[in-house]
Amino acid sequence: MKVGIENVISELTEQEKHYFPAGLEGELKVVRKIWRPYSRVYRIQAGANGSTRYFWVKMFKMPEGFKEKADKYLSRLKTEFDITQKLQAAFVDTAEMGVISPLAFFPQFGAVVTWESKGQPLSDLIDRNARLWSKDANDSLLLDYAHKCGQALARMQQFTLHDTEYDPFELIEYADIRLQRLVKNKRAPFSEAQRKQVLTFLEREIPHVSIEERRVCGVHSDFAAFNVLAADGHITLTDFTSFKTGSSYVDLTYFYQRLGGFLHKPIFRENFIRQLQQEFLSGYGISGIEHHRMFTLSLVRHTINNFSSLARNRRGGLGKIPLPHVQLFHRRIFHIYREWLDQVCV
């Protein structure tokens, strides 16, 4: 049976009292459609006039014969729905930050429904206001947003804290899988000697990771400025489809590194990007955490993963060959990553 947005709208309408306790003024109306490789995303208008609200429907789309991938994707949608429901309690006492608010999950339609949150991606705001020629009028607001991102991450981690201990030796296998790919990839300027240098560094440093640095908690897995909506001094965390458990340093260092990624393009103010990174760490609330051994090890993890993904062209989509100017930019990033690994893994 072919399933479409009409099925989701019909289900929501039939159960109006459950999903819209205050009632609806008028019909639910599709006002925007976004086509993605494996999903369709719809913006829906609920109500009219002064009571108008909007929500988003993300529907999974996969050709027949790919049941394993379909099940995996549906599991990710359910994960997002479940964890965002639970995390509402972590932010109930603050008006300055929160997570997206789930409305419904319909596995029979491969759909998750989420109320719309105000704001623009923080990454867009940084991109627009942190360039060399940008005025500094919005600097304090962006620094405040970065600080709140650190606070929000600390809240989320405290709320999802586990009583187990992270095993940092997991990093060696994780890293080596990607290091071997880099060595074999002709597009990546990475040698077997460099692979051994990184592994030697990990094997030397990991045994000295302290117990305090082995906390296990919920991990967003894609915690970055592009998954934070910001407006009017408020931030909203989005996209929890890859949420799992792991080291408390994964999200922390990923956000920090992705901010630094703006400097891959020489059009941004380096001092200001560094300020954003430090303000984020300040909001997180553990003084000197950037000097922790697990902080460095996690940065190495992300660098290797990003390096490997770019070399395999995963960022551009499977089967796509980057245009010449993109390939040149990738080479610049390859050089940045390799140089950083050489400096750190000594």
C-alpha atoms as a PDB file:
ATOM      1  CA  MET A   1       0.000   0.000   0.000  1.00  0.00           C
ATOM      2  CA  LYS A   2       1.333   3.404  -0.971  1.00  0.00           C
ATOM      3  CA  VAL A   3       1.726   5.702   2.010  1.00  0.00           C
ATOM      4  CA  GLY A   4       1.800   9.492   1.808  1.00  0.00           C
ATOM      5  CA  ILE A   5       1.449  12.632   3.876  1.00  0.00           C
ATOM      6  CA  GLU A   6      -2.335  12.294   3.533  1.00  0.00           C
ATOM      7  CA  ASN A   7      -2.212   9.224   5.785  1.00  0.00           C
ATOM      8  CA  VAL A   8      -0.385  11.138   8.513  1.00  0.00           C
ATOM      9  CA  ILE A   9      -2.751  14.108   8.308  1.00  0.00           C
ATOM     10  CA  SER A  10      -5.752  11.780   8.420  1.00  0.00           C
ATOM     11  CA  GLU A  11      -4.403  10.004  11.520  1.00  0.00           C
ATOM     12  CA  LEU A  12      -3.725  13.290  13.307  1.00  0.00           C
ATOM     13  CA  THR A  13      -7.168  14.622  12.422  1.00  0.00           C
ATOM     14  CA  GLU A  14      -8.979  11.477  13.548  1.00  0.00           C
ATOM     15  CA  GLN A  15      -7.191  11.674  16.915  1.00  0.00           C
ATOM     16  CA  GLU A  16      -7.510  15.435  17.257  1.00  0.00           C
ATOM     17  CA  LYS A  17      -8.405  15.343  20.947  1.00  0.00           C
ATOM     18  CA  HIS A  18      -5.241  13.396  21.712  1.00  0.00           C
ATOM     19  CA  TYR A  19      -2.785  15.424  19.634  1.00  0.00           C
ATOM     20  CA  PHE A  20      -4.483  18.827  19.780  1.00  0.00           C
ATOM     21  CA  PRO A  21      -6.309  19.054  23.140  1.00  0.00           C
ATOM     22  CA  ALA A  22      -7.161  22.716  22.563  1.00  0.00           C
ATOM     23  CA  GLY A  23      -8.761  21.831  19.256  1.00  0.00           C
ATOM     24  CA  LEU A  24      -8.045  22.932  15.689  1.00  0.00           C
ATOM     25  CA  GLU A  25      -9.341  25.900  13.766  1.00  0.00           C
ATOM     26  CA  GLY A  26      -9.615  24.698  10.181  1.00  0.00           C
ATOM     27  CA  GLU A  27      -7.884  21.828   8.424  1.00  0.00           C
ATOM     28  CA  LEU A  28      -4.252  20.784   8.616  1.00  0.00           C
ATOM     29  CA  LYS A  29      -2.516  22.190   5.561  1.00  0.00           C
ATOM     30  CA  VAL A  30       0.799  21.334   3.875  1.00  0.00           C
ATOM     31  CA  VAL A  31       2.660  24.620   3.300  1.00  0.00           C
ATOM     32  CA  ARG A  32       6.130  23.348   2.381  1.00  0.00           C
ATOM     33  CA  LYS A  33       7.719  20.181   0.987  1.00  0.00           C
ATOM     34  CA  ILE A  34      11.377  19.140   1.071  1.00  0.00           C
ATOM     35  CA  TRP A  35      12.617  16.142  -0.919  1.00  0.00           C
ATOM     36  CA  ARG A  36      15.601  14.256   0.488  1.00  0.00           C
ATOM     37  CA  PRO A  37      17.280  11.042  -0.757  1.00  0.00           C
ATOM     38  CA  TYR A  38      15.554   8.750   1.740  1.00  0.00           C
ATOM     39  CA  SER A  39      12.859  10.960   3.222  1.00  0.00           C
ATOM     40  CA  ARG A  40      10.199  13.525   2.554  1.00  0.00           C
ATOM     41  CA  VAL A  41       9.779  16.442   4.947  1.00  0.00           C
ATOM     42  CA  TYR A  42       6.602  18.494   5.203  1.00  0.00           C
ATOM     43  CA  ARG A  43       5.787  21.703   7.052  1.00  0.00           C
ATOM     44  CA  ILE A  44       2.167  21.602   8.218  1.00  0.00           C
ATOM     45  CA  GLN A  45       0.008  24.520   9.286  1.00  0.00           C
ATOM     46  CA  ALA A  46      -2.280  23.803  12.217  1.00  0.00           C
ATOM     47  CA  GLY A  47      -5.043  26.271  13.003  1.00  0.00           C
ATOM     48  CA  ALA A  48      -5.608  29.708  11.548  1.00  0.00           C
ATOM     49  CA  ASN A  49      -5.412  33.411  12.299  1.00  0.00           C
ATOM     50  CA  GLY A  50      -3.945  34.190  15.731  1.00  0.00           C
ATOM     51  CA  SER A  51      -3.826  30.541  16.835  1.00  0.00           C
ATOM     52  CA  THR A  52      -1.730  29.292  13.933  1.00  0.00           C
ATOM     53  CA  ARG A  53       1.040  26.830  14.788  1.00  0.00           C
ATOM     54  CA  TYR A  54       3.295  24.751  12.604  1.00  0.00           C
ATOM     55  CA  PHE A  55       4.801  21.309  12.852  1.00  0.00           C
ATOM     56  CA  TRP A  56       7.067  19.155  10.691  1.00  0.00           C
ATOM     57  CA  VAL A  57       6.508  15.633   9.411  1.00  0.00           C
ATOM     58  CA  LYS A  58       9.547  13.573   8.426  1.00  0.00           C
ATOM     59  CA  MET A  59       8.563  10.509   6.370  1.00  0.00           C
ATOM     60  CA  PHE A  60      10.958   7.714   5.521  1.00  0.00           C
ATOM     61  CA  LYS A  61      11.116   6.634   1.868  1.00  0.00           C
ATOM     62  CA  MET A  62      12.991   3.524   0.734  1.00  0.00           C
ATOM     63  CA  PRO A  63      12.506   1.338  -2.360  1.00  0.00           C
ATOM     64  CA  GLU A  64      11.161  -2.164  -1.804  1.00  0.00           C
ATOM     65  CA  GLY A  65      13.740  -4.846  -1.081  1.00  0.00           C
ATOM     66  CA  PHE A  66      15.678  -2.792   1.468  1.00  0.00           C
ATOM     67  CA  LYS A  67      13.925  -3.994   4.611  1.00  0.00           C
ATOM     68  CA  GLU A  68      17.080  -3.986   6.745  1.00  0.00           C
ATOM     69  CA  LYS A  69      17.765  -0.332   5.922  1.00  0.00           C
ATOM     70  CA  ALA A  70      14.099   0.504   6.394  1.00  0.00           C
ATOM     71  CA  ASP A  71      14.054  -1.067   9.855  1.00  0.00           C
ATOM     72  CA  LYS A  72      17.222   0.796  10.791  1.00  0.00           C
ATOM     73  CA  TYR A  73      15.803   4.125   9.683  1.00  0.00           C
ATOM     74  CA  LEU A  74      12.505   3.567  11.491  1.00  0.00           C
ATOM     75  CA  SER A  75      14.475   2.707  14.604  1.00  0.00           C
ATOM     76  CA  ARG A  76      16.276   6.044  14.338  1.00  0.00           C
ATOM     77  CA  LEU A  77      12.979   7.911  14.005  1.00  0.00           C
ATOM     78  CA  LYS A  78      11.649   6.158  17.093  1.00  0.00           C
ATOM     79  CA  THR A  79      14.872   6.991  18.953  1.00  0.00           C
ATOM     80  CA  GLU A  80      14.406  10.676  18.141  1.00  0.00           C
ATOM     81  CA  PHE A  81      10.782  10.609  19.285  1.00  0.00           C
ATOM     82  CA  ASP A  82      11.512   8.760  22.536  1.00  0.00           C
ATOM     83  CA  ILE A  83      14.576  10.734  23.636  1.00  0.00           C
ATOM     84  CA  THR A  84      13.109  14.155  22.850  1.00  0.00           C
ATOM     85  CA  GLN A  85      10.081  13.217  24.952  1.00  0.00           C
ATOM     86  CA  LYS A  86      12.333  12.294  27.873  1.00  0.00           C
ATOM     87  CA  LEU A  87      14.605  15.326  27.528  1.00  0.00           C
ATOM     88  CA  GLN A  88      11.738  17.771  27.975  1.00  0.00           C
ATOM     89  CA  ALA A  89      12.157  17.216  31.728  1.00  0.00           C
ATOM     90  CA  ALA A  90      15.849  18.211  31.576  1.00  0.00           C
ATOM     91  CA  PHE A  91      14.938  21.711  30.383  1.00  0.00           C
ATOM     92  CA  VAL A  92      11.593  22.284  32.072  1.00  0.00           C
ATOM     93  CA  ASP A  93      13.028  24.850  34.519  1.00  0.00           C
ATOM     94  CA  THR A  94      14.675  27.134  31.954  1.00  0.00           C
ATOM     95  CA  ALA A  95      13.246  29.464  29.336  1.00  0.00           C
ATOM     96  CA  GLU A  96      16.583  29.983  27.591  1.00  0.00           C
ATOM     97  CA  MET A  97      17.176  26.542  26.097  1.00  0.00           C
ATOM     98  CA  GLY A  98      15.390  23.345  25.204  1.00  0.00           C
ATOM     99  CA  VAL A  99      15.008  20.492  22.717  1.00  0.00           C
ATOM    100  CA  ILE A 100      12.548  20.009  19.890  1.00  0.00           C
ATOM    101  CA  SER A 101       9.070  19.005  21.057  1.00  0.00           C
ATOM    102  CA  PRO A 102       7.753  15.712  19.612  1.00  0.00           C
ATOM    103  CA  LEU A 103       4.099  15.396  18.632  1.00  0.00           C
ATOM    104  CA  ALA A 104       3.650  11.888  17.238  1.00  0.00           C
ATOM    105  CA  PHE A 105       5.376   8.806  15.853  1.00  0.00           C
ATOM    106  CA  PHE A 106       3.638   6.628  13.263  1.00  0.00           C
ATOM    107  CA  PRO A 107       5.785   3.574  12.468  1.00  0.00           C
ATOM    108  CA  GLN A 108       3.108   2.259  10.081  1.00  0.00           C
ATOM    109  CA  PHE A 109       3.713   5.342   7.926  1.00  0.00           C
ATOM    110  CA  GLY A 110       7.430   5.687   8.643  1.00  0.00           C
ATOM    111  CA  ALA A 111       6.820   9.145  10.063  1.00  0.00           C
ATOM    112  CA  VAL A 112       7.808  11.260  13.046  1.00  0.00           C
ATOM    113  CA  VAL A 113       5.984  14.524  13.798  1.00  0.00           C
ATOM    114  CA  THR A 114       7.615  17.413  15.677  1.00  0.00           C
ATOM    115  CA  TRP A 115       6.390  20.860  16.646  1.00  0.00           C
ATOM    116  CA  GLU A 116       8.235  23.691  14.909  1.00  0.00           C
ATOM    117  CA  SER A 117      10.789  25.570  17.004  1.00  0.00           C
ATOM    118  CA  LYS A 118      11.659  29.192  16.374  1.00  0.00           C
ATOM    119  CA  GLY A 119      15.021  30.359  15.169  1.00  0.00           C
ATOM    120  CA  GLN A 120      17.690  29.827  12.544  1.00  0.00           C
ATOM    121  CA  PRO A 121      20.545  27.303  12.623  1.00  0.00           C
ATOM    122  CA  LEU A 122      23.322  28.765  14.750  1.00  0.00           C
ATOM    123  CA  SER A 123      25.786  27.757  12.037  1.00  0.00           C
ATOM    124  CA  ASP A 124      24.015  30.085   9.597  1.00  0.00           C
ATOM    125  CA  LEU A 125      24.234  32.963  12.059  1.00  0.00           C
ATOM    126  CA  ILE A 126      27.947  32.347  12.569  1.00  0.00           C
ATOM    127  CA  ASP A 127      28.522  32.034   8.839  1.00  0.00           C
ATOM    128  CA  ARG A 128      26.819  35.362   8.255  1.00  0.00           C
ATOM    129  CA  ASN A 129      28.285  37.330  11.173  1.00  0.00           C
ATOM    130  CA  ALA A 130      31.797  35.950  11.764  1.00  0.00           C
ATOM    131  CA  ARG A 131      33.398  36.793   8.437  1.00  0.00           C
ATOM    132  CA  LEU A 132      36.396  39.090   8.109  1.00  0.00           C
ATOM    133  CA  TRP A 133      34.229  41.924   6.814  1.00  0.00           C
ATOM    134  CA  SER A 134      31.295  41.312   9.181  1.00  0.00           C
ATOM    135  CA  LYS A 135      30.438  43.973  11.721  1.00  0.00           C
ATOM    136  CA  ASP A 136      30.816  42.947  15.360  1.00  0.00           C
ATOM    137  CA  ALA A 137      27.325  44.109  16.367  1.00  0.00           C
ATOM    138  CA  ASN A 138      26.121  40.525  16.841  1.00  0.00           C
ATOM    139  CA  ASP A 139      29.282  39.126  18.432  1.00  0.00           C
ATOM    140  CA  SER A 140      27.981  39.252  22.004  1.00  0.00           C
ATOM    141  CA  LEU A 141      24.755  37.489  21.008  1.00  0.00           C
ATOM    142  CA  LEU A 142      26.641  34.714  19.207  1.00  0.00           C
ATOM    143  CA  LEU A 143      28.971  34.287  22.181  1.00  0.00           C
ATOM    144  CA  ASP A 144      25.914  34.001  24.422  1.00  0.00           C
ATOM    145  CA  TYR A 145      24.456  31.320  22.147  1.00  0.00           C
ATOM    146  CA  ALA A 146      27.742  29.386  22.233  1.00  0.00           C
ATOM    147  CA  HIS A 147      27.770  29.624  26.040  1.00  0.00           C
ATOM    148  CA  LYS A 148      24.202  28.302  26.204  1.00  0.00           C
ATOM    149  CA  CYS A 149      25.117  25.421  23.904  1.00  0.00           C
ATOM    150  CA  GLY A 150      27.709  24.370  26.474  1.00  0.00           C
ATOM    151  CA  GLN A 151      25.161  24.690  29.268  1.00  0.00           C
ATOM    152  CA  ALA A 152      22.578  22.722  27.301  1.00  0.00           C
ATOM    153  CA  LEU A 153      25.041  19.905  26.626  1.00  0.00           C
ATOM    154  CA  ALA A 154      25.958  19.719  30.320  1.00  0.00           C
ATOM    155  CA  ARG A 155      22.253  19.507  31.242  1.00  0.00           C
ATOM    156  CA  MET A 156      21.585  16.794  28.686  1.00  0.00           C
ATOM    157  CA  GLN A 157      24.563  14.751  29.842  1.00  0.00           C
ATOM    158  CA  GLN A 158      23.668  15.060  33.510  1.00  0.00           C
ATOM    159  CA  PHE A 159      20.102  13.964  32.761  1.00  0.00           C
ATOM    160  CA  THR A 160      21.280  10.901  30.780  1.00  0.00           C
ATOM    161  CA  LEU A 161      24.253   9.956  32.963  1.00  0.00           C
ATOM    162  CA  HIS A 162      24.986   6.212  33.288  1.00  0.00           C
ATOM    163  CA  ASP A 163      26.663   4.443  36.188  1.00  0.00           C
ATOM    164  CA  THR A 164      28.936   2.498  33.826  1.00  0.00           C
ATOM    165  CA  GLU A 165      32.497   3.380  32.854  1.00  0.00           C
ATOM    166  CA  TYR A 166      33.675   4.188  29.335  1.00  0.00           C
ATOM    167  CA  ASP A 167      36.450   2.003  27.936  1.00  0.00           C
ATOM    168  CA  PRO A 168      38.793   4.330  26.004  1.00  0.00           C
ATOM    169  CA  PHE A 169      40.529   1.345  24.377  1.00  0.00           C
ATOM    170  CA  GLU A 170      37.513   1.230  22.038  1.00  0.00           C
ATOM    171  CA  LEU A 171      39.095   4.207  20.306  1.00  0.00           C
ATOM    172  CA  ILE A 172      41.947   2.115  18.891  1.00  0.00           C
ATOM    173  CA  GLU A 173      39.781  -0.192  16.774  1.00  0.00           C
ATOM    174  CA  TYR A 174      37.478   2.692  15.791  1.00  0.00           C
ATOM    175  CA  ALA A 175      40.432   4.775  14.658  1.00  0.00           C
ATOM    176  CA  ASP A 176      42.355   2.031  12.910  1.00  0.00           C
ATOM    177  CA  ILE A 177      39.451   1.021  10.672  1.00  0.00           C
ATOM    178  CA  ARG A 178      39.430   4.570   9.326  1.00  0.00           C
ATOM    179  CA  LEU A 179      43.217   4.917   9.281  1.00  0.00           C
ATOM    180  CA  GLN A 180      43.521   1.826   7.100  1.00  0.00           C
ATOM    181  CA  ARG A 181      40.975   3.303   4.697  1.00  0.00           C
ATOM    182  CA  LEU A 182      43.031   6.489   4.520  1.00  0.00           C
ATOM    183  CA  VAL A 183      46.227   4.581   3.721  1.00  0.00           C
ATOM    184  CA  LYS A 184      44.488   2.652   0.922  1.00  0.00           C
ATOM    185  CA  ASN A 185      42.745   5.705  -0.514  1.00  0.00           C
ATOM    186  CA  LYS A 186      44.789   7.287  -3.303  1.00  0.00           C
ATOM    187  CA  ARG A 187      43.014  10.637  -2.836  1.00  0.00           C
ATOM    188  CA  ALA A 188      44.173  10.895   0.776  1.00  0.00           C
ATOM    189  CA  PRO A 189      47.803  11.938   1.369  1.00  0.00           C
ATOM    190  CA  PHE A 190      48.222   9.541   4.300  1.00  0.00           C
ATOM    191  CA  SER A 191      50.959   6.945   4.716  1.00  0.00           C
ATOM    192  CA  GLU A 192      51.357   3.709   6.624  1.00  0.00           C
ATOM    193  CA  ALA A 193      54.016   5.432   8.763  1.00  0.00           C
ATOM    194  CA  GLN A 194      51.483   8.104   9.760  1.00  0.00           C
ATOM    195  CA  ARG A 195      48.933   5.420  10.607  1.00  0.00           C
ATOM    196  CA  LYS A 196      51.439   3.763  12.947  1.00  0.00           C
ATOM    197  CA  GLN A 197      52.299   7.153  14.464  1.00  0.00           C
ATOM    198  CA  VAL A 198      48.652   7.791  15.396  1.00  0.00           C
ATOM    199  CA  LEU A 199      48.141   4.256  16.761  1.00  0.00           C
ATOM    200  CA  THR A 200      51.311   4.504  18.847  1.00  0.00           C
ATOM    201  CA  PHE A 201      50.045   7.761  20.309  1.00  0.00           C
ATOM    202  CA  LEU A 202      46.666   6.235  21.198  1.00  0.00           C
ATOM    203  CA  GLU A 203      48.236   3.128  22.721  1.00  0.00           C
ATOM    204  CA  ARG A 204      50.545   5.298  24.820  1.00  0.00           C
ATOM    205  CA  GLU A 205      47.923   7.789  26.039  1.00  0.00           C
ATOM    206  CA  ILE A 206      44.839   5.657  26.627  1.00  0.00           C
ATOM    207  CA  PRO A 207      46.139   3.708  29.657  1.00  0.00           C
ATOM    208  CA  HIS A 208      46.581   7.041  31.473  1.00  0.00           C
ATOM    209  CA  VAL A 209      42.982   8.233  31.074  1.00  0.00           C
ATOM    210  CA  SER A 210      41.655   8.946  34.566  1.00  0.00           C
ATOM    211  CA  ILE A 211      38.481   7.467  36.035  1.00  0.00           C
ATOM    212  CA  GLU A 212      36.959  10.956  36.125  1.00  0.00           C
ATOM    213  CA  GLU A 213      37.323  11.166  32.342  1.00  0.00           C
ATOM    214  CA  ARG A 214      35.463   7.900  31.690  1.00  0.00           C
ATOM    215  CA  ARG A 215      31.899   9.123  32.257  1.00  0.00           C
ATOM    216  CA  VAL A 216      29.176   7.516  30.149  1.00  0.00           C
ATOM    217  CA  CYS A 217      26.039   9.426  29.182  1.00  0.00           C
ATOM    218  CA  GLY A 218      23.662  10.050  26.311  1.00  0.00           C
ATOM    219  CA  VAL A 219      25.429  11.084  23.106  1.00  0.00           C
ATOM    220  CA  HIS A 220      23.681  13.194  20.472  1.00  0.00           C
ATOM    221  CA  SER A 221      26.286  12.052  17.886  1.00  0.00           C
ATOM    222  CA  ASP A 222      25.846  15.127  15.684  1.00  0.00           C
ATOM    223  CA  PHE A 223      25.986  17.908  18.264  1.00  0.00           C
ATOM    224  CA  ALA A 224      27.015  20.956  16.255  1.00  0.00           C
ATOM    225  CA  ALA A 225      25.918  24.507  15.525  1.00  0.00           C
ATOM    226  CA  PHE A 226      23.937  23.348  12.482  1.00  0.00           C
ATOM    227  CA  ASN A 227      21.699  21.311  14.798  1.00  0.00           C
ATOM    228  CA  VAL A 228      20.979  24.235  17.128  1.00  0.00           C
ATOM    229  CA  LEU A 229      18.219  26.738  16.380  1.00  0.00           C
ATOM    230  CA  ALA A 230      18.777  30.195  17.861  1.00  0.00           C
ATOM    231  CA  ALA A 231      16.510  33.233  18.209  1.00  0.00           C
ATOM    232  CA  ASP A 232      15.769  35.954  20.759  1.00  0.00           C
ATOM    233  CA  GLY A 233      18.343  34.660  23.224  1.00  0.00           C
ATOM    234  CA  HIS A 234      16.896  31.109  23.147  1.00  0.00           C
ATOM    235  CA  ILE A 235      18.415  27.923  21.710  1.00  0.00           C
ATOM    236  CA  THR A 236      16.738  24.655  20.705  1.00  0.00           C
ATOM    237  CA  LEU A 237      18.633  21.391  20.148  1.00  0.00           C
ATOM    238  CA  THR A 238      17.472  19.375  17.124  1.00  0.00           C
ATOM    239  CA  ASP A 239      18.007  16.097  15.217  1.00  0.00           C
ATOM    240  CA  PHE A 240      18.315  13.287  17.764  1.00  0.00           C
ATOM    241  CA  THR A 241      18.029  10.420  15.249  1.00  0.00           C
ATOM    242  CA  SER A 242      21.545   9.136  16.066  1.00  0.00           C
ATOM    243  CA  PHE A 243      21.245   9.408  19.857  1.00  0.00           C
ATOM    244  CA  LYS A 244      23.033   6.640  21.795  1.00  0.00           C
ATOM    245  CA  THR A 245      25.246   6.193  24.855  1.00  0.00           C
ATOM    246  CA  GLY A 246      28.983   6.758  25.010  1.00  0.00           C
ATOM    247  CA  SER A 247      31.781   8.986  26.268  1.00  0.00           C
ATOM    248  CA  SER A 248      30.833  12.400  27.612  1.00  0.00           C
ATOM    249  CA  TYR A 249      33.654  13.869  25.491  1.00  0.00           C
ATOM    250  CA  VAL A 250      32.165  12.862  22.113  1.00  0.00           C
ATOM    251  CA  ASP A 251      29.601  15.655  21.783  1.00  0.00           C
ATOM    252  CA  LEU A 252      31.781  18.144  23.644  1.00  0.00           C
ATOM    253  CA  THR A 253      34.729  17.817  21.277  1.00  0.00           C
ATOM    254  CA  TYR A 254      32.569  17.463  18.171  1.00  0.00           C
ATOM    255  CA  PHE A 255      30.887  20.829  18.753  1.00  0.00           C
ATOM    256  CA  TYR A 256      34.254  22.393  19.575  1.00  0.00           C
ATOM    257  CA  GLN A 257      35.898  20.959  16.460  1.00  0.00           C
ATOM    258  CA  ARG A 258      33.034  21.897  14.132  1.00  0.00           C
ATOM    259  CA  LEU A 259      33.320  25.496  15.309  1.00  0.00           C
ATOM    260  CA  GLY A 260      37.006  25.357  14.438  1.00  0.00           C
ATOM    261  CA  GLY A 261      36.008  24.007  11.033  1.00  0.00           C
ATOM    262  CA  PHE A 262      34.849  27.481  10.022  1.00  0.00           C
ATOM    263  CA  LEU A 263      38.544  28.371   9.830  1.00  0.00           C
ATOM    264  CA  HIS A 264      39.063  25.903   6.986  1.00  0.00           C
ATOM    265  CA  LYS A 265      37.881  28.835   4.890  1.00  0.00           C
ATOM    266  CA  PRO A 266      40.176  31.870   5.284  1.00  0.00           C
ATOM    267  CA  ILE A 267      37.216  34.245   5.287  1.00  0.00           C
ATOM    268  CA  PHE A 268      36.381  34.006   8.984  1.00  0.00           C
ATOM    269  CA  ARG A 269      37.762  35.963  11.946  1.00  0.00           C
ATOM    270  CA  GLU A 270      40.037  33.492  13.696  1.00  0.00           C
ATOM    271  CA  ASN A 271      40.063  35.327  17.036  1.00  0.00           C
ATOM    272  CA  PHE A 272      36.271  35.373  17.140  1.00  0.00           C
ATOM    273  CA  ILE A 273      35.921  31.686  16.228  1.00  0.00           C
ATOM    274  CA  ARG A 274      38.365  30.881  19.045  1.00  0.00           C
ATOM    275  CA  GLN A 275      36.242  33.025  21.373  1.00  0.00           C
ATOM    276  CA  LEU A 276      33.155  31.015  20.397  1.00  0.00           C
ATOM    277  CA  GLN A 277      35.000  27.791  21.207  1.00  0.00           C
ATOM    278  CA  GLN A 278      36.101  29.077  24.605  1.00  0.00           C
ATOM    279  CA  GLU A 279      32.639  30.432  25.407  1.00  0.00           C
ATOM    280  CA  PHE A 280      31.153  27.025  24.593  1.00  0.00           C
ATOM    281  CA  LEU A 281      33.600  25.340  26.964  1.00  0.00           C
ATOM    282  CA  SER A 282      32.884  27.984  29.606  1.00  0.00           C
ATOM    283  CA  GLY A 283      29.175  27.200  29.387  1.00  0.00           C
ATOM    284  CA  TYR A 284      29.913  23.499  29.773  1.00  0.00           C
ATOM    285  CA  GLY A 285      31.303  24.384  33.163  1.00  0.00           C
ATOM    286  CA  ILE A 286      34.429  22.277  33.744  1.00  0.00           C
ATOM    287  CA  SER A 287      37.461  24.552  33.961  1.00  0.00           C
ATOM    288  CA  GLY A 288      40.447  23.417  31.909  1.00  0.00           C
ATOM    289  CA  ILE A 289      38.609  20.520  30.282  1.00  0.00           C
ATOM    290  CA  GLU A 290      40.393  21.230  26.985  1.00  0.00           C
ATOM    291  CA  HIS A 291      43.556  19.966  28.700  1.00  0.00           C
ATOM    292  CA  HIS A 292      42.010  16.608  29.645  1.00  0.00           C
ATOM    293  CA  ARG A 293      43.550  13.569  27.989  1.00  0.00           C
ATOM    294  CA  MET A 294      40.135  12.342  26.779  1.00  0.00           C
ATOM    295  CA  PHE A 295      39.471  15.739  25.225  1.00  0.00           C
ATOM    296  CA  THR A 296      42.533  15.349  22.991  1.00  0.00           C
ATOM    297  CA  LEU A 297      41.796  11.678  22.271  1.00  0.00           C
ATOM    298  CA  SER A 298      38.249  12.552  21.229  1.00  0.00           C
ATOM    299  CA  LEU A 299      39.512  15.320  18.948  1.00  0.00           C
ATOM    300  CA  VAL A 300      41.817  12.761  17.333  1.00  0.00           C
ATOM    301  CA  ARG A 301      38.811  10.468  16.892  1.00  0.00           C
ATOM    302  CA  HIS A 302      36.746  13.141  15.135  1.00  0.00           C
ATOM    303  CA  THR A 303      39.652  14.291  12.974  1.00  0.00           C
ATOM    304  CA  ILE A 304      40.316  10.765  11.709  1.00  0.00           C
ATOM    305  CA  ASN A 305      36.628  10.155  11.073  1.00  0.00           C
ATOM    306  CA  ASN A 306      36.179  13.427   9.160  1.00  0.00           C
ATOM    307  CA  PHE A 307      39.398  12.833   7.218  1.00  0.00           C
ATOM    308  CA  SER A 308      38.255   9.338   6.222  1.00  0.00           C
ATOM    309  CA  SER A 309      34.744  10.500   5.284  1.00  0.00           C
ATOM    310  CA  LEU A 310      36.050  13.277   3.055  1.00  0.00           C
ATOM    311  CA  ALA A 311      38.544  10.957   1.383  1.00  0.00           C
ATOM    312  CA  ARG A 312      35.770   8.466   0.632  1.00  0.00           C
ATOM    313  CA  ASN A 313      33.590  11.320  -0.649  1.00  0.00           C
ATOM    314  CA  ARG A 314      30.900  10.507   1.907  1.00  0.00           C
ATOM    315  CA  ARG A 315      30.184  14.201   2.451  1.00  0.00           C
ATOM    316  CA  GLY A 316      29.091  14.698  -1.151  1.00  0.00           C
ATOM    317  CA  GLY A 317      26.855  11.652  -1.347  1.00  0.00           C
ATOM    318  CA  LEU A 318      27.505   8.159  -2.635  1.00  0.00           C
ATOM    319  CA  GLY A 319      28.333   7.949  -6.306  1.00  0.00           C
ATOM    320  CA  LYS A 320      29.036  11.665  -6.670  1.00  0.00           C
ATOM    321  CA  ILE A 321      32.385  13.005  -7.843  1.00  0.00           C
ATOM    322  CA  PRO A 322      33.210  16.410  -6.336  1.00  0.00           C
ATOM    323  CA  LEU A 323      33.700  19.300  -8.734  1.00  0.00           C
ATOM    324  CA  PRO A 324      37.317  20.484  -9.206  1.00  0.00           C
ATOM    325  CA  HIS A 325      36.990  23.445  -6.830  1.00  0.00           C
ATOM    326  CA  VAL A 326      35.525  21.141  -4.174  1.00  0.00           C
ATOM    327  CA  GLN A 327      38.397  18.705  -4.630  1.00  0.00           C
ATOM    328  CA  LEU A 328      40.860  21.566  -4.145  1.00  0.00           C
ATOM    329  CA  PHE A 329      39.092  22.577  -0.948  1.00  0.00           C
ATOM    330  CA  HIS A 330      39.185  18.973   0.269  1.00  0.00           C
ATOM    331  CA  ARG A 331      42.932  18.889  -0.336  1.00  0.00           C
ATOM    332  CA  ARG A 332      43.282  21.962   1.843  1.00  0.00           C
ATOM    333  CA  ILE A 333      41.340  20.200   4.621  1.00  0.00           C
ATOM    334  CA  PHE A 334      43.418  17.025   4.152  1.00  0.00           C
ATOM    335  CA  HIS A 335      46.542  19.111   4.734  1.00  0.00           C
ATOM    336  CA  ILE A 336      45.030  20.743   7.840  1.00  0.00           C
ATOM    337  CA  TYR A 337      44.011  17.375   9.303  1.00  0.00           C
ATOM    338  CA  ARG A 338      47.309  15.672   8.534  1.00  0.00           C
ATOM    339  CA  GLU A 339      49.343  18.561   9.936  1.00  0.00           C
ATOM    340  CA  TRP A 340      47.232  18.619  13.118  1.00  0.00           C
ATOM    341  CA  LEU A 341      47.621  14.856  13.629  1.00  0.00           C
ATOM    342  CA  ASP A 342      51.384  15.150  13.095  1.00  0.00           C
ATOM    343  CA  GLN A 343      51.587  17.871  15.775  1.00  0.00           C
ATOM    344  CA  VAL A 344      49.397  16.086  18.320  1.00  0.00           C
ATOM    345  CA  CYS A 345      50.449  12.472  17.862  1.00  0.00           C
ATOM    346  CA  VAL A 346      54.135  12.909  18.669  1.00  0.00           C
END
